[in-house]
N, C-alpha and C. Protein backbone atom coordinates (compact mmCIF):
# COMPACT_ATOMS: atom_id res chain seq x y z
N MET A 1 0.78 -10.03 13.51
CA MET A 1 -0.07 -8.52 13.60
C MET A 1 -0.96 -8.27 14.11
N ASN A 2 -1.33 -7.06 15.52
CA ASN A 2 -2.03 -7.21 15.71
C ASN A 2 -3.64 -6.62 15.37
N ASP A 3 -4.44 -7.72 16.40
CA ASP A 3 -5.66 -6.99 15.62
C ASP A 3 -6.13 -5.79 15.99
N ALA A 4 -5.43 -5.07 16.29
CA ALA A 4 -6.32 -3.24 16.46
C ALA A 4 -5.49 -2.78 14.97
N LEU A 5 -5.11 -3.12 14.19
CA LEU A 5 -4.11 -2.59 13.42
C LEU A 5 -5.36 -2.44 12.31
N ARG A 6 -5.47 -0.62 12.06
CA ARG A 6 -6.45 0.14 11.42
C ARG A 6 -6.27 0.46 10.12
N ILE A 7 -6.71 0.56 8.61
CA ILE A 7 -6.20 0.61 7.80
C ILE A 7 -6.87 1.38 7.22
N ARG A 8 -7.12 3.14 6.55
CA ARG A 8 -8.00 4.11 6.11
C ARG A 8 -7.18 4.04 4.90
N ARG A 9 -7.84 4.33 3.81
CA ARG A 9 -7.46 5.40 2.92
C ARG A 9 -7.48 6.87 2.48
N GLU A 10 -6.82 7.42 1.53
CA GLU A 10 -7.38 8.61 1.76
C GLU A 10 -6.50 9.26 0.10
N ASP A 11 -8.12 9.65 -0.54
CA ASP A 11 -8.32 9.74 -2.24
C ASP A 11 -7.93 11.08 -2.03
N THR A 12 -6.75 11.53 -3.05
CA THR A 12 -7.71 13.84 -3.33
C THR A 12 -7.94 12.97 -5.27
N GLY A 13 -7.65 11.95 -6.00
CA GLY A 13 -7.91 12.13 -7.23
C GLY A 13 -6.44 11.96 -7.92
N SER A 14 -6.19 12.97 -7.27
CA SER A 14 -4.58 12.80 -8.51
C SER A 14 -3.57 11.76 -7.58
N LYS A 15 -4.19 12.24 -5.85
CA LYS A 15 -2.42 11.45 -5.22
C LYS A 15 -3.99 10.78 -3.62
N GLY A 16 -2.83 9.94 -3.38
CA GLY A 16 -3.87 9.38 -2.20
C GLY A 16 -2.44 8.62 -1.25
N ARG A 17 -3.13 8.08 -0.19
CA ARG A 17 -2.43 7.47 1.00
C ARG A 17 -3.45 6.66 1.73
N SER A 18 -2.42 4.90 1.51
CA SER A 18 -3.29 4.70 3.41
C SER A 18 -2.45 5.07 4.05
N VAL A 19 -3.05 4.99 5.38
CA VAL A 19 -2.34 4.85 6.63
C VAL A 19 -3.15 4.17 7.45
N ALA A 20 -2.29 3.04 8.01
CA ALA A 20 -2.65 2.54 9.38
C ALA A 20 -1.72 2.51 10.29
N SER A 21 -2.77 3.13 11.67
CA SER A 21 -2.33 3.58 12.36
C SER A 21 -2.03 1.98 13.59
N LEU A 22 -1.12 2.07 15.23
CA LEU A 22 -0.55 1.00 16.04
C LEU A 22 -0.19 1.67 16.95
N ASP A 23 -0.90 1.90 17.82
CA ASP A 23 -0.46 1.85 19.72
C ASP A 23 0.05 3.89 19.29
N GLY A 24 -0.37 4.51 19.15
CA GLY A 24 -0.19 5.94 19.06
C GLY A 24 0.64 6.39 17.99
N HIS A 25 0.71 4.93 16.51
CA HIS A 25 1.78 5.77 15.61
C HIS A 25 1.42 5.00 14.39
N GLU A 26 1.27 6.09 13.52
CA GLU A 26 1.42 6.20 11.96
C GLU A 26 2.54 5.46 10.14
N ALA A 27 1.77 4.39 9.71
CA ALA A 27 2.71 3.17 8.78
C ALA A 27 1.45 4.68 7.85
N GLU A 28 2.36 4.13 7.02
CA GLU A 28 1.89 4.85 5.10
C GLU A 28 2.18 3.92 3.39
N ILE A 29 1.18 4.35 2.75
CA ILE A 29 2.07 4.18 1.81
C ILE A 29 1.47 5.29 0.76
N THR A 30 1.50 5.65 -0.20
CA THR A 30 1.23 6.47 -1.29
C THR A 30 1.73 6.31 -2.53
N TRP A 31 0.74 6.69 -3.25
CA TRP A 31 0.73 7.11 -4.03
C TRP A 31 0.33 7.42 -5.35
N SER A 32 0.25 7.66 -6.54
CA SER A 32 -0.36 8.53 -7.53
C SER A 32 -0.60 8.62 -8.78
N ARG A 33 -1.53 9.28 -9.05
CA ARG A 33 -3.03 8.32 -9.89
C ARG A 33 -2.39 8.61 -11.14
N VAL A 34 -1.67 7.61 -12.59
CA VAL A 34 -1.40 8.34 -14.25
C VAL A 34 -2.70 8.69 -14.39
N ASN A 35 -3.47 7.40 -14.14
CA ASN A 35 -5.34 7.67 -14.58
C ASN A 35 -5.38 6.98 -14.03
N LYS A 36 -7.48 6.86 -14.37
CA LYS A 36 -8.22 5.37 -13.92
C LYS A 36 -7.78 4.97 -13.43
N GLY A 37 -7.26 4.12 -14.59
CA GLY A 37 -6.80 2.60 -14.22
C GLY A 37 -5.47 2.48 -14.10
N LEU A 38 -4.41 3.07 -13.36
CA LEU A 38 -3.44 3.35 -13.06
C LEU A 38 -2.59 3.84 -12.12
N ILE A 39 -3.13 3.86 -10.32
CA ILE A 39 -1.90 4.39 -10.11
C ILE A 39 -0.13 3.32 -9.73
N ILE A 40 1.23 4.99 -9.29
CA ILE A 40 1.94 4.77 -9.45
C ILE A 40 2.46 4.36 -7.88
N VAL A 41 2.41 3.22 -6.89
CA VAL A 41 2.74 3.11 -5.90
C VAL A 41 4.91 3.68 -5.48
N ASP A 42 4.46 4.96 -4.72
CA ASP A 42 6.31 6.01 -4.53
C ASP A 42 6.88 6.34 -2.97
N HIS A 43 5.80 4.78 -2.18
CA HIS A 43 6.65 5.67 -0.78
C HIS A 43 5.70 4.20 0.53
N THR A 44 6.18 3.83 1.06
CA THR A 44 5.95 3.25 1.85
C THR A 44 7.13 3.45 3.40
N GLY A 45 6.64 3.65 4.47
CA GLY A 45 6.40 4.57 5.19
C GLY A 45 6.91 3.99 6.64
N VAL A 46 6.75 3.15 8.11
CA VAL A 46 6.51 2.46 8.90
C VAL A 46 7.80 3.21 9.81
N PRO A 47 7.39 3.64 10.98
CA PRO A 47 8.11 4.18 12.29
C PRO A 47 8.70 3.34 12.19
N ASP A 48 9.24 3.14 13.26
CA ASP A 48 11.26 1.84 14.07
C ASP A 48 10.14 1.96 15.71
N ALA A 49 9.09 2.14 15.45
CA ALA A 49 8.45 1.25 16.86
C ALA A 49 7.36 0.38 15.77
N LEU A 50 6.23 0.39 14.25
CA LEU A 50 6.03 -0.10 14.36
C LEU A 50 6.92 -1.60 13.81
N ARG A 51 8.97 -1.16 13.13
CA ARG A 51 8.56 -2.24 12.46
C ARG A 51 8.70 -3.91 12.79
N GLY A 52 9.18 -4.72 11.97
CA GLY A 52 8.66 -6.62 12.31
C GLY A 52 8.38 -6.56 12.68
N ARG A 53 6.97 -5.62 12.35
CA ARG A 53 5.23 -6.41 12.61
C ARG A 53 3.95 -6.45 11.39
N GLY A 54 5.16 -6.16 10.23
CA GLY A 54 4.57 -7.61 9.05
C GLY A 54 3.22 -5.77 8.83
N ILE A 55 3.32 -4.87 8.96
CA ILE A 55 2.52 -3.49 8.41
C ILE A 55 2.27 -3.58 7.69
N GLY A 56 3.70 -2.98 7.03
CA GLY A 56 4.48 -2.49 5.71
C GLY A 56 4.17 -3.29 4.49
N GLU A 57 3.64 -5.00 5.44
CA GLU A 57 3.10 -5.28 3.78
C GLU A 57 2.33 -5.29 4.43
N ALA A 58 1.03 -5.70 4.90
CA ALA A 58 -0.37 -5.17 4.71
C ALA A 58 -0.46 -3.74 4.66
N LEU A 59 -0.09 -2.63 4.14
CA LEU A 59 -0.16 -1.36 3.96
C LEU A 59 -0.14 -2.04 2.25
N VAL A 60 0.72 -2.97 1.66
CA VAL A 60 0.99 -3.12 0.35
C VAL A 60 -0.56 -4.64 0.33
N ARG A 61 -0.31 -5.11 1.25
CA ARG A 61 -1.26 -6.59 0.20
C ARG A 61 -3.18 -5.65 0.27
N ASP A 62 -3.43 -4.44 1.07
CA ASP A 62 -4.28 -3.27 1.23
C ASP A 62 -4.91 -2.90 -0.85
N LEU A 63 -3.89 -2.43 -0.51
CA LEU A 63 -3.54 -1.75 -1.69
C LEU A 63 -3.61 -2.47 -3.16
N VAL A 64 -2.69 -4.47 -2.92
CA VAL A 64 -3.30 -4.45 -4.44
C VAL A 64 -5.07 -5.18 -4.36
N GLU A 65 -5.63 -4.89 -2.87
CA GLU A 65 -6.69 -5.17 -2.85
C GLU A 65 -8.14 -4.59 -3.75
N HIS A 66 -7.80 -3.38 -2.90
CA HIS A 66 -8.24 -2.26 -3.50
C HIS A 66 -8.26 -1.80 -5.21
N ALA A 67 -7.14 -2.16 -5.76
CA ALA A 67 -6.83 -2.15 -7.14
C ALA A 67 -8.50 -3.03 -7.52
N ARG A 68 -7.07 -4.82 -7.58
CA ARG A 68 -8.64 -5.46 -7.91
C ARG A 68 -10.07 -5.06 -7.50
N GLU A 69 -10.32 -4.34 -6.37
CA GLU A 69 -11.38 -3.99 -6.64
C GLU A 69 -12.24 -3.23 -7.95
N ALA A 70 -10.73 -2.34 -7.37
CA ALA A 70 -11.46 -0.87 -8.52
C ALA A 70 -11.55 -0.75 -9.17
N GLY A 71 -10.53 -2.21 -10.43
CA GLY A 71 -9.65 -2.25 -11.46
C GLY A 71 -9.66 -1.64 -11.95
N PHE A 72 -8.00 -1.44 -11.13
CA PHE A 72 -6.52 -0.06 -11.94
C PHE A 72 -5.16 -1.67 -11.23
N LYS A 73 -4.52 -1.37 -12.56
CA LYS A 73 -3.72 -0.76 -11.65
C LYS A 73 -1.96 -0.81 -11.85
N LEU A 74 -1.06 -1.42 -10.80
CA LEU A 74 -0.23 -0.80 -9.96
C LEU A 74 1.31 -0.96 -10.57
N ILE A 75 2.02 0.12 -10.81
CA ILE A 75 3.33 1.02 -10.68
C ILE A 75 4.27 0.63 -9.74
N PRO A 76 4.96 -0.02 -9.00
CA PRO A 76 5.42 0.15 -8.20
C PRO A 76 6.45 0.95 -7.87
N LEU A 77 6.81 1.89 -7.65
CA LEU A 77 8.21 1.99 -8.64
C LEU A 77 9.24 2.54 -6.30
N CYS A 78 8.04 2.85 -5.51
CA CYS A 78 8.34 1.93 -3.98
C CYS A 78 9.55 1.10 -4.23
N PRO A 79 10.18 1.13 -3.54
CA PRO A 79 11.23 0.07 -3.94
C PRO A 79 10.53 -1.80 -2.88
N TYR A 80 10.43 -0.11 -1.17
CA TYR A 80 9.64 -1.83 -1.08
C TYR A 80 7.99 -3.04 -0.85
N ALA A 81 7.42 -1.68 -1.92
CA ALA A 81 6.63 -2.12 -2.03
C ALA A 81 6.39 -2.77 -3.52
N LYS A 82 7.65 -2.54 -4.20
CA LYS A 82 7.96 -3.39 -5.63
C LYS A 82 8.96 -4.90 -4.83
N ALA A 83 9.38 -4.68 -3.80
CA ALA A 83 9.69 -7.03 -2.89
C ALA A 83 9.10 -7.29 -2.59
N GLN A 84 7.96 -6.61 -1.90
CA GLN A 84 6.55 -7.90 -1.34
C GLN A 84 5.96 -7.63 -2.35
N ILE A 85 5.63 -7.34 -3.19
CA ILE A 85 4.51 -7.48 -4.55
C ILE A 85 5.64 -8.65 -5.18
N SER A 86 6.99 -8.89 -5.44
CA SER A 86 7.89 -9.80 -5.75
C SER A 86 7.54 -11.04 -5.25
N ARG A 87 7.60 -10.61 -3.81
CA ARG A 87 7.27 -11.90 -3.17
C ARG A 87 6.36 -13.43 -2.80
N HIS A 88 5.31 -12.13 -3.31
CA HIS A 88 3.43 -12.79 -3.57
C HIS A 88 2.90 -12.87 -5.59
N PRO A 89 3.71 -13.83 -5.71
CA PRO A 89 3.16 -14.32 -7.06
C PRO A 89 1.86 -13.92 -7.66
N GLU A 90 0.41 -14.17 -6.43
CA GLU A 90 -0.78 -13.97 -6.46
C GLU A 90 -0.33 -12.42 -6.73
N TRP A 91 -0.05 -11.78 -5.89
CA TRP A 91 -0.58 -10.00 -6.38
C TRP A 91 -0.29 -9.58 -7.70
N GLN A 92 0.30 -10.18 -8.56
CA GLN A 92 0.74 -9.94 -10.33
C GLN A 92 0.30 -9.42 -10.49
N ASP A 93 -1.69 -9.83 -10.39
CA ASP A 93 -2.54 -9.59 -11.39
C ASP A 93 -2.58 -8.36 -11.33
N VAL A 94 -2.01 -7.79 -10.62
CA VAL A 94 -2.62 -6.40 -10.36
C VAL A 94 -1.28 -5.37 -10.85
N VAL A 95 -0.04 -6.12 -11.03
CA VAL A 95 0.51 -4.88 -11.31
C VAL A 95 1.65 -5.27 -13.22
N ASN A 96 1.30 -3.28 -13.26
CA ASN A 96 1.21 -3.12 -15.28
C ASN A 96 3.00 -3.57 -15.30
């Protein structure tokens, strides 16, 4: 993955997203807040120009790390996020 990848979080309280920008393209993972301690991961989108570069996985990893730091759990309804989390046993601590 390119070292120029930057991920920023946008959180409105009830909804949020993390956005990865690289080479003029944006990939995102979005969520909805159930309550202070629980969010539903509902979508991961990576444009064709960025596919195969590990960006989707980086977005999921960033959200997992954020969940640990902020003390909330994830419900991964997004098929991609669910698959990534299932591939990483070390991420199971943040799954509700």
